Amino acid sequence: MNENNKIIIFLVSIPVIAIIIIFFILRVNFAPSFSPAEQKVLTFTDEHTPKLTERKSLSVGSLKSPINLTQSRESEFPKTSLAEIVPPPAIGEKRVSFILVNQKRKFAIIDGKLVHEGDKMDNHSIARIEKDKILLKNREGEKWLKLD
């Protein structure tokens, strides 16, 4: 037998074997093995359920919160004022509250104002914004502001 005949016989035998296997599988009867509860679910129809023609309204009395919120007394508050605990920044001192530096943008919030590199603020220029500080420049020199 030459090489071509072997290839042809091999290629023809694969579909023939597949057809024989499919034929035997189709002849076998597979009985589903469901439990009685599963069989009941399979045979369910809505005819067995009672029809609701009228819905009764529910009246709810008072609902009590599961969380007990006790009122705090003034004696629990500290006697010192907030200004004494955290003093305000010095006059003329700028305060940096937020800095964002990523590949596309660099901006910060100084004294509640949004600034970018190159912006002017009072008599200063925002020269550089880094991840934790900002460089301010003016005629008098440079000054670094650190993030609070």
Protein backbone atom coordinates (compact mmCIF):
# COMPACT_ATOMS: atom_id res chain seq x y z
CA MET A 1 0.00 0.00 0.00
CA ASN A 2 1.42 3.32 -0.91
CA GLU A 3 1.42 6.45 1.24
CA ASN A 4 -1.56 8.10 -0.53
CA ASN A 5 -3.85 5.11 0.09
CA LYS A 6 -2.99 5.14 3.82
CA ILE A 7 -3.88 8.84 4.09
CA ILE A 8 -7.19 8.32 2.23
CA ILE A 9 -8.16 5.35 4.44
CA PHE A 10 -7.29 7.35 7.57
CA LEU A 11 -9.33 10.37 6.48
CA VAL A 12 -12.36 8.24 5.54
CA SER A 13 -12.22 6.12 8.71
CA ILE A 14 -12.51 9.12 11.09
CA PRO A 15 -16.02 10.20 9.95
CA VAL A 16 -17.17 6.56 9.73
CA ILE A 17 -16.10 5.90 13.33
CA ALA A 18 -17.76 9.15 14.46
CA ILE A 19 -21.05 8.12 12.78
CA ILE A 20 -20.96 4.69 14.44
CA ILE A 21 -20.36 6.25 17.88
CA ILE A 22 -23.20 8.76 17.40
CA PHE A 23 -25.54 5.95 16.31
CA PHE A 24 -24.86 3.93 19.48
CA ILE A 25 -25.22 6.99 21.71
CA LEU A 26 -28.62 7.82 20.20
CA ARG A 27 -29.85 4.27 20.74
CA VAL A 28 -29.12 4.35 24.45
CA ASN A 29 -31.95 5.74 26.53
CA PHE A 30 -30.65 7.92 29.30
CA ALA A 31 -33.14 8.09 32.13
CA PRO A 32 -32.84 11.27 34.16
CA SER A 33 -32.27 10.57 37.82
CA PHE A 34 -34.09 13.40 39.55
CA SER A 35 -35.05 13.41 43.19
CA PRO A 36 -38.77 13.67 44.01
CA ALA A 37 -38.36 17.37 44.85
CA GLU A 38 -36.65 18.03 41.50
CA GLN A 39 -39.35 16.13 39.64
CA LYS A 40 -41.95 18.28 41.38
CA VAL A 41 -40.18 21.43 40.19
CA LEU A 42 -40.01 20.09 36.62
CA THR A 43 -43.74 19.41 36.53
CA PHE A 44 -44.73 22.74 38.14
CA THR A 45 -47.41 24.85 36.51
CA ASP A 46 -48.96 28.04 37.79
CA GLU A 47 -52.38 26.39 37.89
CA HIS A 48 -51.53 25.02 41.33
CA THR A 49 -50.91 28.46 42.86
CA PRO A 50 -53.73 30.45 44.45
CA LYS A 51 -54.75 33.59 42.62
CA LEU A 52 -54.47 36.88 44.51
CA THR A 53 -57.49 39.00 43.81
CA GLU A 54 -57.12 41.50 46.62
CA ARG A 55 -54.06 42.58 48.52
CA LYS A 56 -54.52 43.41 52.18
CA SER A 57 -52.91 46.63 53.33
CA LEU A 58 -50.49 46.42 56.18
CA SER A 59 -50.51 48.98 58.92
CA VAL A 60 -47.26 49.57 60.70
CA GLY A 61 -47.18 51.09 64.14
CA SER A 62 -44.15 53.01 65.23
CA LEU A 63 -40.75 51.95 64.02
CA LYS A 64 -37.92 52.29 66.48
CA SER A 65 -34.41 52.87 65.23
CA PRO A 66 -31.99 50.05 66.01
CA ILE A 67 -29.29 52.67 66.58
CA ASN A 68 -29.30 54.42 69.91
CA LEU A 69 -28.18 57.99 69.38
CA THR A 70 -27.54 59.49 72.76
CA GLN A 71 -27.37 63.25 72.93
CA SER A 72 -23.93 64.48 73.86
CA ARG A 73 -23.61 66.92 76.68
CA GLU A 74 -21.64 70.15 76.52
CA SER A 75 -19.38 68.88 79.29
CA GLU A 76 -17.97 66.31 76.82
CA PHE A 77 -16.63 69.04 74.49
CA PRO A 78 -13.15 70.47 75.01
CA LYS A 79 -12.95 73.88 76.70
CA THR A 80 -10.27 75.21 74.32
CA SER A 81 -11.22 76.85 71.07
CA LEU A 82 -10.23 75.51 67.69
CA ALA A 83 -8.03 78.54 66.99
CA GLU A 84 -5.91 77.67 70.04
CA ILE A 85 -5.51 74.04 69.01
CA VAL A 86 -4.62 74.74 65.36
CA PRO A 87 -3.34 78.26 64.89
CA PRO A 88 -4.02 79.90 61.52
CA PRO A 89 -1.11 80.33 59.08
CA ALA A 90 0.98 83.45 59.43
CA ILE A 91 -0.21 86.54 57.57
CA GLY A 92 1.07 86.49 54.01
CA GLU A 93 1.97 82.80 54.29
CA LYS A 94 0.37 80.70 51.56
CA ARG A 95 -1.08 77.31 52.40
CA VAL A 96 -0.95 74.32 50.02
CA SER A 97 -3.81 71.93 50.69
CA PHE A 98 -3.69 69.65 47.62
CA ILE A 99 -1.23 68.64 44.89
CA LEU A 100 -1.86 66.38 41.89
CA VAL A 101 1.03 65.36 39.68
CA ASN A 102 0.58 62.72 36.99
CA GLN A 103 1.76 62.18 33.42
CA LYS A 104 -0.83 64.50 31.87
CA ARG A 105 -1.43 67.22 34.49
CA LYS A 106 0.13 69.11 37.34
CA PHE A 107 -2.05 71.30 39.51
CA ALA A 108 -2.45 72.30 43.14
CA ILE A 109 -4.75 74.15 45.49
CA ILE A 110 -3.15 77.11 47.24
CA ASP A 111 -5.28 79.09 49.68
CA GLY A 112 -8.39 77.48 48.18
CA LYS A 113 -7.51 78.44 44.58
CA LEU A 114 -6.72 75.95 41.81
CA VAL A 115 -3.35 76.74 40.14
CA HIS A 116 -1.26 75.18 37.36
CA GLU A 117 2.40 75.55 36.48
CA GLY A 118 2.95 78.99 34.94
CA ASP A 119 -0.05 80.61 36.62
CA LYS A 120 0.29 83.93 38.47
CA MET A 121 -0.85 84.27 42.06
CA ASP A 122 -0.56 87.65 43.79
CA ASN A 123 2.95 88.78 42.87
CA HIS A 124 4.30 85.22 42.49
CA SER A 125 4.56 82.87 39.53
CA ILE A 126 3.96 79.11 39.95
CA ALA A 127 7.29 77.92 38.53
CA ARG A 128 7.15 74.22 39.37
CA ILE A 129 4.77 71.72 40.96
CA GLU A 130 6.21 68.55 42.48
CA LYS A 131 4.50 65.75 44.39
CA ASP A 132 4.94 67.37 47.82
CA LYS A 133 5.98 71.00 47.20
CA ILE A 134 5.50 73.99 44.92
CA LEU A 135 8.10 76.50 43.75
CA LEU A 136 6.98 80.15 43.75
CA LYS A 137 9.11 82.78 41.99
CA ASN A 138 9.01 86.56 41.97
CA ARG A 139 11.49 89.43 41.56
CA GLU A 140 12.77 88.94 45.08
CA GLY A 141 13.67 85.25 44.62
CA GLU A 142 12.30 81.74 44.98
CA LYS A 143 10.26 80.13 47.72
CA TRP A 144 9.18 76.51 48.19
CA LEU A 145 5.75 75.83 49.71
CA LYS A 146 5.30 72.39 51.24
CA LEU A 147 2.05 70.44 51.27
CA ASP A 148 0.26 70.62 54.66
